[in-house]
Amino acid sequence: MSHQLRLEMNTWQKGEKNVKRYLFLILFATSCSYKPVVDTSGRSGTFDYSKADDITNDLQHCKYLAKENSNALIESSKYAWNYYFRAYTLWLSPKAEYTYSKVYKNCLTNRGHSVIN
């Protein structure tokens, strides 16, 4: 094997490792990036008084509960499925639901906050 061919193969293999590394970092960073929009001026209809006073504490508690009850690796694989692999099936396959955002949203809603998204 010539020296030039070996050099090109080593360069290609290094490039492939970098692409895999960046893809993993992107998927991991975006897996738990849900930030709910909460309507703090209105009431949810469940309570006679506004629950906006407790929003900071509730956001911290719900974020902690969502992290404890979801797996970052599984959430990132759902992200990859929804935005990369479903395109190959022409978006006909069902979308995977994110556990982290569902738990976060349910927690805030059950604490009496009106979550918009």
Protein backbone atom coordinates (compact mmCIF):
# COMPACT_ATOMS: atom_id res chain seq x y z
CA MET A 1 0.00 0.00 0.00
CA SER A 2 1.39 3.36 -0.93
CA HIS A 3 2.21 6.01 1.61
CA GLN A 4 -0.30 8.45 0.06
CA LEU A 5 -3.14 5.91 0.28
CA ARG A 6 -2.36 5.15 3.95
CA LEU A 7 -2.29 8.87 4.73
CA GLU A 8 -5.69 9.39 3.09
CA MET A 9 -7.18 6.44 4.99
CA ASN A 10 -5.87 7.76 8.32
CA THR A 11 -7.28 11.21 7.56
CA TRP A 12 -10.66 9.71 6.66
CA GLN A 13 -10.76 7.61 9.85
CA LYS A 14 -9.93 10.65 11.99
CA GLY A 15 -12.65 12.65 10.25
CA GLU A 16 -15.17 9.87 10.87
CA LYS A 17 -14.30 9.81 14.59
CA ASN A 18 -14.74 13.59 14.80
CA VAL A 19 -18.14 13.45 13.09
CA LYS A 20 -19.32 10.75 15.51
CA ARG A 21 -18.01 12.76 18.47
CA TYR A 22 -19.76 15.97 17.36
CA LEU A 23 -23.00 14.13 16.62
CA PHE A 24 -22.95 12.60 20.11
CA LEU A 25 -22.26 15.98 21.73
CA ILE A 26 -25.06 17.67 19.79
CA LEU A 27 -27.55 14.94 20.66
CA PHE A 28 -26.54 14.93 24.31
CA ALA A 29 -26.70 18.73 24.62
CA THR A 30 -30.15 19.00 23.03
CA SER A 31 -31.78 16.09 24.82
CA CYS A 32 -32.75 17.98 27.98
CA SER A 33 -33.20 21.49 26.72
CA TYR A 34 -36.95 21.85 27.28
CA LYS A 35 -37.93 25.17 28.81
CA PRO A 36 -41.66 25.53 29.47
CA VAL A 37 -43.54 28.77 28.88
CA VAL A 38 -45.76 29.45 31.88
CA ASP A 39 -48.56 32.00 31.96
CA THR A 40 -47.93 33.70 35.30
CA SER A 41 -50.60 36.39 35.07
CA GLY A 42 -53.57 34.06 34.75
CA ARG A 43 -54.88 31.34 37.00
CA SER A 44 -55.34 27.76 35.94
CA GLY A 45 -58.93 27.64 37.15
CA THR A 46 -58.10 25.09 39.81
CA PHE A 47 -57.18 27.58 42.53
CA ASP A 48 -58.85 30.70 43.86
CA TYR A 49 -55.54 32.54 44.12
CA SER A 50 -52.57 33.00 41.80
CA LYS A 51 -49.82 30.37 42.01
CA ALA A 52 -47.25 32.64 40.29
CA ASP A 53 -45.61 33.32 43.65
CA ASP A 54 -44.30 29.74 43.73
CA ILE A 55 -43.10 29.60 40.11
CA THR A 56 -39.33 29.71 40.80
CA ASN A 57 -39.49 26.98 43.41
CA ASP A 58 -41.81 24.85 41.27
CA LEU A 59 -39.60 25.20 38.17
CA GLN A 60 -36.59 23.95 40.15
CA HIS A 61 -38.48 21.04 41.70
CA CYS A 62 -40.08 19.98 38.42
CA LYS A 63 -36.77 20.20 36.54
CA TYR A 64 -35.16 17.96 39.16
CA LEU A 65 -38.05 15.46 38.98
CA ALA A 66 -37.90 15.40 35.18
CA LYS A 67 -34.14 14.74 35.20
CA GLU A 68 -34.53 11.97 37.77
CA ASN A 69 -37.30 10.26 35.79
CA SER A 70 -35.75 10.38 32.33
CA ASN A 71 -32.60 9.01 30.75
CA ALA A 72 -30.42 11.43 28.75
CA LEU A 73 -29.21 8.70 26.39
CA ILE A 74 -32.73 7.55 25.56
CA GLU A 75 -33.95 11.14 25.17
CA SER A 76 -31.11 11.92 22.74
CA SER A 77 -31.89 8.79 20.73
CA LYS A 78 -35.53 9.95 20.51
CA TYR A 79 -34.28 13.31 19.24
CA ALA A 80 -32.17 11.56 16.59
CA TRP A 81 -35.13 9.38 15.61
CA ASN A 82 -37.53 12.32 15.30
CA TYR A 83 -35.32 14.64 13.30
CA TYR A 84 -32.96 12.39 11.32
CA PHE A 85 -34.24 8.85 10.85
CA ARG A 86 -37.92 9.70 10.35
CA ALA A 87 -36.89 11.73 7.30
CA TYR A 88 -35.74 8.52 5.63
CA THR A 89 -39.25 7.09 6.02
CA LEU A 90 -40.76 10.30 4.59
CA TRP A 91 -42.12 11.24 8.05
CA LEU A 92 -44.58 8.32 7.95
CA SER A 93 -43.28 6.63 11.09
CA PRO A 94 -44.68 7.90 14.41
CA LYS A 95 -42.83 10.58 16.34
CA ALA A 96 -41.20 9.46 19.60
CA GLU A 97 -42.52 11.34 22.62
CA TYR A 98 -39.99 12.93 24.97
CA THR A 99 -40.26 11.77 28.57
CA TYR A 100 -38.36 14.73 30.03
CA SER A 101 -40.67 17.44 28.66
CA LYS A 102 -43.79 15.41 29.44
CA VAL A 103 -42.82 14.92 33.09
CA TYR A 104 -41.75 18.57 33.40
CA LYS A 105 -45.02 19.86 31.92
CA ASN A 106 -47.22 17.48 33.96
CA CYS A 107 -45.43 18.46 37.15
CA LEU A 108 -46.02 22.19 36.57
CA THR A 109 -49.63 21.63 35.53
CA ASN A 110 -50.33 19.52 38.64
CA ARG A 111 -48.83 22.25 40.79
CA GLY A 112 -51.42 24.64 39.41
CA HIS A 113 -49.47 26.53 36.74
CA SER A 114 -50.80 27.20 33.25
CA VAL A 115 -48.18 25.80 30.83
CA ILE A 116 -48.52 27.12 27.28
CA ASN A 117 -46.16 24.84 25.33
